[in-house]
C-alpha atoms as a PDB file:
ATOM      1  CA  MET A   1     107.840 213.053  39.580  1.00  0.00           C
ATOM      2  CA  SER A   2     110.610 210.687  40.587  1.00  0.00           C
ATOM      3  CA  VAL A   3     112.964 208.371  38.773  1.00  0.00           C
ATOM      4  CA  THR A   4     114.634 205.182  39.946  1.00  0.00           C
ATOM      5  CA  LEU A   5     118.293 204.537  39.197  1.00  0.00           C
ATOM      6  CA  THR A   6     119.657 201.005  39.538  1.00  0.00           C
ATOM      7  CA  TRP A   7     123.347 200.175  39.420  1.00  0.00           C
ATOM      8  CA  LEU A   8     123.732 197.003  37.370  1.00  0.00           C
ATOM      9  CA  GLY A   9     127.424 196.689  38.209  1.00  0.00           C
ATOM     10  CA  HIS A  10     130.664 198.103  36.788  1.00  0.00           C
ATOM     11  CA  ALA A  11     129.594 201.026  34.558  1.00  0.00           C
ATOM     12  CA  SER A  12     126.039 199.901  33.761  1.00  0.00           C
ATOM     13  CA  PHE A  13     122.900 201.672  34.941  1.00  0.00           C
ATOM     14  CA  LYS A  14     119.153 201.504  34.438  1.00  0.00           C
ATOM     15  CA  ILE A  15     117.046 204.633  34.843  1.00  0.00           C
ATOM     16  CA  GLU A  16     113.279 204.205  35.156  1.00  0.00           C
ATOM     17  CA  GLY A  17     110.878 207.097  34.818  1.00  0.00           C
ATOM     18  CA  SER A  18     108.377 207.945  32.121  1.00  0.00           C
ATOM     19  CA  LEU A  19     110.727 205.927  29.882  1.00  0.00           C
ATOM     20  CA  VAL A  20     113.461 203.386  30.590  1.00  0.00           C
ATOM     21  CA  VAL A  21     117.071 204.344  29.862  1.00  0.00           C
ATOM     22  CA  TYR A  22     120.068 201.997  29.968  1.00  0.00           C
ATOM     23  CA  ILE A  23     123.640 203.244  30.119  1.00  0.00           C
ATOM     24  CA  ASP A  24     126.468 200.998  28.880  1.00  0.00           C
ATOM     25  CA  PRO A  25     124.620 197.701  29.486  1.00  0.00           C
ATOM     26  CA  TRP A  26     127.089 194.884  30.207  1.00  0.00           C
ATOM     27  CA  LYS A  27     126.746 191.472  31.859  1.00  0.00           C
ATOM     28  CA  ILE A  28     122.997 191.969  32.081  1.00  0.00           C
ATOM     29  CA  GLY A  29     122.008 188.360  32.666  1.00  0.00           C
ATOM     30  CA  LYS A  30     118.472 187.463  31.660  1.00  0.00           C
ATOM     31  CA  GLU A  31     116.615 189.334  28.917  1.00  0.00           C
ATOM     32  CA  ARG A  32     114.616 192.398  29.920  1.00  0.00           C
ATOM     33  CA  LYS A  33     113.527 193.948  26.586  1.00  0.00           C
ATOM     34  CA  ASP A  34     112.247 197.091  28.307  1.00  0.00           C
ATOM     35  CA  GLY A  35     114.744 199.771  27.266  1.00  0.00           C
ATOM     36  CA  ASN A  36     113.462 202.781  25.340  1.00  0.00           C
ATOM     37  CA  LEU A  37     116.859 204.472  25.149  1.00  0.00           C
ATOM     38  CA  ILE A  38     120.244 202.736  25.188  1.00  0.00           C
ATOM     39  CA  LEU A  39     123.229 205.040  25.714  1.00  0.00           C
ATOM     40  CA  VAL A  40     126.738 203.783  24.935  1.00  0.00           C
ATOM     41  CA  SER A  41     129.704 205.932  25.875  1.00  0.00           C
ATOM     42  CA  HIS A  42     132.487 204.262  23.862  1.00  0.00           C
ATOM     43  CA  THR A  43     133.586 201.051  22.190  1.00  0.00           C
ATOM     44  CA  HIS A  44     135.575 199.344  24.931  1.00  0.00           C
ATOM     45  CA  GLN A  45     134.099 195.888  25.457  1.00  0.00           C
ATOM     46  CA  ASP A  46     133.003 196.534  29.045  1.00  0.00           C
ATOM     47  CA  HIS A  47     130.762 199.362  27.769  1.00  0.00           C
ATOM     48  CA  TRP A  48     129.824 198.352  24.206  1.00  0.00           C
ATOM     49  CA  SER A  49     128.245 194.883  24.197  1.00  0.00           C
ATOM     50  CA  THR A  50     125.877 194.002  21.373  1.00  0.00           C
ATOM     51  CA  ASN A  51     124.652 190.905  23.209  1.00  0.00           C
ATOM     52  CA  ASP A  52     123.659 192.917  26.253  1.00  0.00           C
ATOM     53  CA  ILE A  53     122.062 195.652  24.154  1.00  0.00           C
ATOM     54  CA  GLU A  54     119.843 193.033  22.549  1.00  0.00           C
ATOM     55  CA  LYS A  55     118.814 191.818  25.991  1.00  0.00           C
ATOM     56  CA  VAL A  56     117.536 195.221  27.070  1.00  0.00           C
ATOM     57  CA  ARG A  57     116.237 196.909  23.947  1.00  0.00           C
ATOM     58  CA  SER A  58     112.520 197.069  23.213  1.00  0.00           C
ATOM     59  CA  GLU A  59     110.962 197.115  19.748  1.00  0.00           C
ATOM     60  CA  ASP A  60     110.925 200.916  19.565  1.00  0.00           C
ATOM     61  CA  SER A  61     114.243 201.606  21.288  1.00  0.00           C
ATOM     62  CA  LEU A  62     116.841 204.106  20.111  1.00  0.00           C
ATOM     63  CA  LEU A  63     120.584 203.557  20.409  1.00  0.00           C
ATOM     64  CA  ILE A  64     122.577 206.729  21.110  1.00  0.00           C
ATOM     65  CA  GLY A  65     126.340 206.657  21.253  1.00  0.00           C
ATOM     66  CA  ALA A  66     129.725 207.975  20.282  1.00  0.00           C
ATOM     67  CA  GLY A  67     130.549 207.999  16.582  1.00  0.00           C
ATOM     68  CA  ASP A  68     132.522 204.752  16.573  1.00  0.00           C
ATOM     69  CA  VAL A  69     129.745 203.001  18.505  1.00  0.00           C
ATOM     70  CA  ILE A  70     127.111 203.924  15.947  1.00  0.00           C
ATOM     71  CA  LYS A  71     129.441 203.060  13.072  1.00  0.00           C
ATOM     72  CA  ALA A  72     130.025 199.610  14.561  1.00  0.00           C
ATOM     73  CA  ALA A  73     126.324 199.116  15.249  1.00  0.00           C
ATOM     74  CA  GLY A  74     125.193 200.257  11.807  1.00  0.00           C
ATOM     75  CA  GLU A  75     122.231 202.024  13.389  1.00  0.00           C
ATOM     76  CA  GLY A  76     121.295 204.652  15.925  1.00  0.00           C
ATOM     77  CA  ASP A  77     122.073 208.322  16.477  1.00  0.00           C
ATOM     78  CA  VAL A  78     125.564 209.738  16.874  1.00  0.00           C
ATOM     79  CA  LEU A  79     126.087 212.063  19.822  1.00  0.00           C
ATOM     80  CA  ALA A  80     129.205 214.203  20.199  1.00  0.00           C
ATOM     81  CA  PRO A  81     130.385 216.100  23.287  1.00  0.00           C
ATOM     82  CA  GLY A  82     128.210 219.193  23.508  1.00  0.00           C
ATOM     83  CA  GLY A  83     125.501 217.692  21.308  1.00  0.00           C
ATOM     84  CA  ILE A  84     121.874 217.205  22.332  1.00  0.00           C
ATOM     85  CA  ILE A  85     119.375 214.538  21.340  1.00  0.00           C
ATOM     86  CA  GLU A  86     115.751 214.607  22.464  1.00  0.00           C
ATOM     87  CA  PHE A  87     113.577 211.510  22.676  1.00  0.00           C
ATOM     88  CA  GLY A  88     110.046 212.317  23.750  1.00  0.00           C
ATOM     89  CA  ASP A  89     110.404 214.433  26.876  1.00  0.00           C
ATOM     90  CA  ILE A  90     113.926 213.162  27.617  1.00  0.00           C
ATOM     91  CA  ARG A  91     116.983 215.203  26.702  1.00  0.00           C
ATOM     92  CA  ILE A  92     120.414 213.609  26.378  1.00  0.00           C
ATOM     93  CA  THR A  93     123.426 215.921  26.300  1.00  0.00           C
ATOM     94  CA  GLY A  94     126.845 214.578  25.374  1.00  0.00           C
ATOM     95  CA  THR A  95     129.729 215.539  27.645  1.00  0.00           C
ATOM     96  CA  PRO A  96     133.488 215.040  27.162  1.00  0.00           C
ATOM     97  CA  ALA A  97     135.113 211.966  28.691  1.00  0.00           C
ATOM     98  CA  TYR A  98     138.853 211.489  28.374  1.00  0.00           C
ATOM     99  CA  ASN A  99     142.141 210.864  30.146  1.00  0.00           C
ATOM    100  CA  LEU A 100     144.543 213.696  30.846  1.00  0.00           C
ATOM    101  CA  ARG A 101     147.872 211.848  30.963  1.00  0.00           C
ATOM    102  CA  LYS A 102     146.906 208.246  30.255  1.00  0.00           C
ATOM    103  CA  PRO A 103     146.465 206.521  26.873  1.00  0.00           C
ATOM    104  CA  PHE A 104     143.255 204.617  27.518  1.00  0.00           C
ATOM    105  CA  HIS A 105     140.645 207.219  26.539  1.00  0.00           C
ATOM    106  CA  PRO A 106     142.117 209.823  24.181  1.00  0.00           C
ATOM    107  CA  ARG A 107     140.257 213.097  23.858  1.00  0.00           C
ATOM    108  CA  LYS A 108     140.407 212.884  20.056  1.00  0.00           C
ATOM    109  CA  LYS A 109     138.093 209.858  20.106  1.00  0.00           C
ATOM    110  CA  GLN A 110     135.227 212.111  21.238  1.00  0.00           C
ATOM    111  CA  TRP A 111     133.976 209.467  23.627  1.00  0.00           C
ATOM    112  CA  LEU A 112     131.164 210.394  25.914  1.00  0.00           C
ATOM    113  CA  GLY A 113     129.613 211.053  29.224  1.00  0.00           C
ATOM    114  CA  PHE A 114     125.945 212.000  29.368  1.00  0.00           C
ATOM    115  CA  VAL A 115     123.628 214.408  31.125  1.00  0.00           C
ATOM    116  CA  ILE A 116     120.181 212.816  31.196  1.00  0.00           C
ATOM    117  CA  ASP A 117     117.217 215.127  31.803  1.00  0.00           C
ATOM    118  CA  ILE A 118     114.235 212.947  32.642  1.00  0.00           C
ATOM    119  CA  ASP A 119     111.053 213.847  34.522  1.00  0.00           C
ATOM    120  CA  GLY A 120     112.578 216.947  36.091  1.00  0.00           C
ATOM    121  CA  VAL A 121     115.732 215.118  37.245  1.00  0.00           C
ATOM    122  CA  ARG A 122     119.266 215.726  35.914  1.00  0.00           C
ATOM    123  CA  ILE A 123     121.674 212.792  36.112  1.00  0.00           C
ATOM    124  CA  TYR A 124     125.308 213.074  35.024  1.00  0.00           C
ATOM    125  CA  TYR A 125     127.104 209.910  33.930  1.00  0.00           C
ATOM    126  CA  ALA A 126     130.772 210.793  33.541  1.00  0.00           C
ATOM    127  CA  GLY A 127     131.853 207.901  31.308  1.00  0.00           C
ATOM    128  CA  ASP A 128     135.429 206.636  31.456  1.00  0.00           C
ATOM    129  CA  THR A 129     137.254 209.815  32.314  1.00  0.00           C
ATOM    130  CA  ASP A 130     139.650 211.644  34.533  1.00  0.00           C
ATOM    131  CA  ARG A 131     138.762 214.750  36.504  1.00  0.00           C
ATOM    132  CA  ILE A 132     138.553 217.188  33.590  1.00  0.00           C
ATOM    133  CA  PRO A 133     137.993 220.965  33.483  1.00  0.00           C
ATOM    134  CA  GLU A 134     134.666 220.649  31.670  1.00  0.00           C
ATOM    135  CA  MET A 135     133.091 219.183  34.794  1.00  0.00           C
ATOM    136  CA  THR A 136     132.996 222.658  36.337  1.00  0.00           C
ATOM    137  CA  ASP A 137     130.603 223.747  33.568  1.00  0.00           C
ATOM    138  CA  LEU A 138     127.888 221.327  34.669  1.00  0.00           C
ATOM    139  CA  GLU A 139     124.894 222.900  36.386  1.00  0.00           C
ATOM    140  CA  ASP A 140     121.924 221.760  38.470  1.00  0.00           C
ATOM    141  CA  ILE A 141     122.948 218.103  38.613  1.00  0.00           C
ATOM    142  CA  ASP A 142     120.833 216.013  40.983  1.00  0.00           C
ATOM    143  CA  LEU A 143     123.048 212.917  40.850  1.00  0.00           C
ATOM    144  CA  ALA A 144     126.627 212.662  39.558  1.00  0.00           C
ATOM    145  CA  LEU A 145     127.826 209.154  38.649  1.00  0.00           C
ATOM    146  CA  LEU A 146     131.621 209.089  38.729  1.00  0.00           C
ATOM    147  CA  PRO A 147     134.175 206.352  37.988  1.00  0.00           C
ATOM    148  CA  ALA A 148     136.417 205.753  40.989  1.00  0.00           C
ATOM    149  CA  GLY A 149     138.349 202.541  40.321  1.00  0.00           C
ATOM    150  CA  GLY A 150     141.614 204.139  39.194  1.00  0.00           C
ATOM    151  CA  LYS A 151     144.107 203.244  36.427  1.00  0.00           C
ATOM    152  CA  PHE A 152     141.743 203.612  33.452  1.00  0.00           C
ATOM    153  CA  THR A 153     139.777 206.476  35.061  1.00  0.00           C
ATOM    154  CA  MET A 154     139.883 208.656  38.148  1.00  0.00           C
ATOM    155  CA  ASN A 155     140.759 207.097  41.458  1.00  0.00           C
ATOM    156  CA  ALA A 156     138.608 207.623  44.528  1.00  0.00           C
ATOM    157  CA  SER A 157     140.253 210.846  45.673  1.00  0.00           C
ATOM    158  CA  LYS A 158     140.134 212.451  42.219  1.00  0.00           C
ATOM    159  CA  ALA A 159     136.517 211.354  41.803  1.00  0.00           C
ATOM    160  CA  ALA A 160     135.617 212.948  45.132  1.00  0.00           C
ATOM    161  CA  ALA A 161     137.316 216.146  44.016  1.00  0.00           C
ATOM    162  CA  ALA A 162     135.324 215.992  40.787  1.00  0.00           C
ATOM    163  CA  ALA A 163     132.148 215.666  42.834  1.00  0.00           C
ATOM    164  CA  GLY A 164     133.118 218.915  44.520  1.00  0.00           C
ATOM    165  CA  ASP A 165     133.685 220.542  41.134  1.00  0.00           C
ATOM    166  CA  ILE A 166     130.230 219.511  39.959  1.00  0.00           C
ATOM    167  CA  GLY A 167     128.330 220.364  43.118  1.00  0.00           C
ATOM    168  CA  ALA A 168     125.605 217.798  42.541  1.00  0.00           C
ATOM    169  CA  VAL A 169     122.926 217.142  45.140  1.00  0.00           C
ATOM    170  CA  GLN A 170     124.279 213.591  45.424  1.00  0.00           C
ATOM    171  CA  SER A 171     127.209 211.688  43.943  1.00  0.00           C
ATOM    172  CA  MET A 172     127.934 208.000  43.492  1.00  0.00           C
ATOM    173  CA  PRO A 173     131.028 205.972  42.513  1.00  0.00           C
ATOM    174  CA  TYR A 174     131.073 203.244  39.859  1.00  0.00           C
ATOM    175  CA  HIS A 175     133.673 201.399  37.754  1.00  0.00           C
ATOM    176  CA  TRP A 176     134.718 199.301  40.733  1.00  0.00           C
ATOM    177  CA  GLY A 177     134.178 195.709  41.812  1.00  0.00           C
ATOM    178  CA  THR A 178     134.585 193.941  38.461  1.00  0.00           C
ATOM    179  CA  ILE A 179     137.582 194.726  36.255  1.00  0.00           C
ATOM    180  CA  ILE A 180     139.299 197.148  38.576  1.00  0.00           C
ATOM    181  CA  GLY A 181     138.647 198.853  41.874  1.00  0.00           C
ATOM    182  CA  ARG A 182     137.369 197.498  45.172  1.00  0.00           C
ATOM    183  CA  GLU A 183     134.637 198.332  47.626  1.00  0.00           C
ATOM    184  CA  SER A 184     137.304 200.113  49.644  1.00  0.00           C
ATOM    185  CA  ASP A 185     137.671 202.584  46.744  1.00  0.00           C
ATOM    186  CA  ALA A 186     133.948 203.267  46.802  1.00  0.00           C
ATOM    187  CA  ARG A 187     134.026 203.771  50.575  1.00  0.00           C
ATOM    188  CA  GLN A 188     137.019 206.095  50.290  1.00  0.00           C
ATOM    189  CA  PHE A 189     135.101 208.126  47.701  1.00  0.00           C
ATOM    190  CA  ALA A 190     132.133 208.382  50.059  1.00  0.00           C
ATOM    191  CA  ASP A 191     134.313 209.426  52.980  1.00  0.00           C
ATOM    192  CA  LEU A 192     135.975 212.167  50.926  1.00  0.00           C
ATOM    193  CA  ALA A 193     132.889 213.345  49.050  1.00  0.00           C
ATOM    194  CA  GLY A 194     130.878 213.831  52.239  1.00  0.00           C
ATOM    195  CA  ASP A 195     127.349 213.243  53.441  1.00  0.00           C
ATOM    196  CA  ASP A 196     125.781 213.610  50.000  1.00  0.00           C
ATOM    197  CA  ALA A 197     127.655 210.593  48.602  1.00  0.00           C
ATOM    198  CA  VAL A 198     125.880 207.270  48.193  1.00  0.00           C
ATOM    199  CA  VAL A 199     127.357 203.821  47.560  1.00  0.00           C
ATOM    200  CA  LEU A 200     125.215 201.103  46.001  1.00  0.00           C
ATOM    201  CA  ASN A 201     125.882 197.412  45.526  1.00  0.00           C
ATOM    202  CA  PRO A 202     125.052 195.843  42.151  1.00  0.00           C
ATOM    203  CA  GLY A 203     121.296 195.522  41.798  1.00  0.00           C
ATOM    204  CA  GLU A 204     120.494 198.195  44.385  1.00  0.00           C
ATOM    205  CA  SER A 205     118.470 201.275  43.511  1.00  0.00           C
ATOM    206  CA  LEU A 206     118.156 204.934  44.402  1.00  0.00           C
ATOM    207  CA  ILE A 207     114.944 206.957  44.044  1.00  0.00           C
ATOM    208  CA  ILE A 208     115.451 210.577  43.012  1.00  0.00           C
ATOM    209  CA  ASP A 209     112.628 213.088  43.048  1.00  0.00           C
ATOM    210  CA  GLY A 210     112.239 216.099  40.805  1.00  0.00           C
ATOM    211  CA  SER A 211     113.199 218.619  43.483  1.00  0.00           C
ATOM    212  CA  GLY A 212     116.684 217.200  43.812  1.00  0.00           C
ATOM    213  CA  GLY A 213     115.962 214.942  46.752  1.00  0.00           C
ATOM    214  CA  ALA A 214     116.642 211.229  47.025  1.00  0.00           C
ATOM    215  CA  ALA A 215     115.451 208.380  49.154  1.00  0.00           C
END
């Protein structure tokens, strides 16, 4: 099978396969109401937006997020780094996301990245993070989504190095073009990460098949 990943801008993604998964929906625009799973990495306003969640969630959707996200929402399932939640045939694994020497995303918050296993495809969404040692533990990743805008997260060169740590079939930069980061950061990431890097514009999509290929 294959899945389609669409970059919605900044740190927001839509994954379409046997179910529809949204990650950190923000500035969605018109209502969609098609999301089965909504994943929220942490409570910063450019990732945790109740208005945008309402635009994408369907009647039977499940919200999965860090502990403070679920506490604020008053509903959903808490996921911690290292934890696993299964929803139908989809498996969501929490991964650490934190800054090493910056105050913006403290490790103690237990904020999240995600590994999404859907229809034979493994997608890693790093969250708001630096290049951290735990990235070397990731295995068999088809697509690694990495922040590359700098200041609050990795910059382009550190993100490209993280892509090398992970060894994914493909890698893609995000967290640029809105609050921080420019297209030049994304292009620098692609130049450093090599031929397997892909850069999307907001609204563009990537099709990933279950054997690790992409089109």
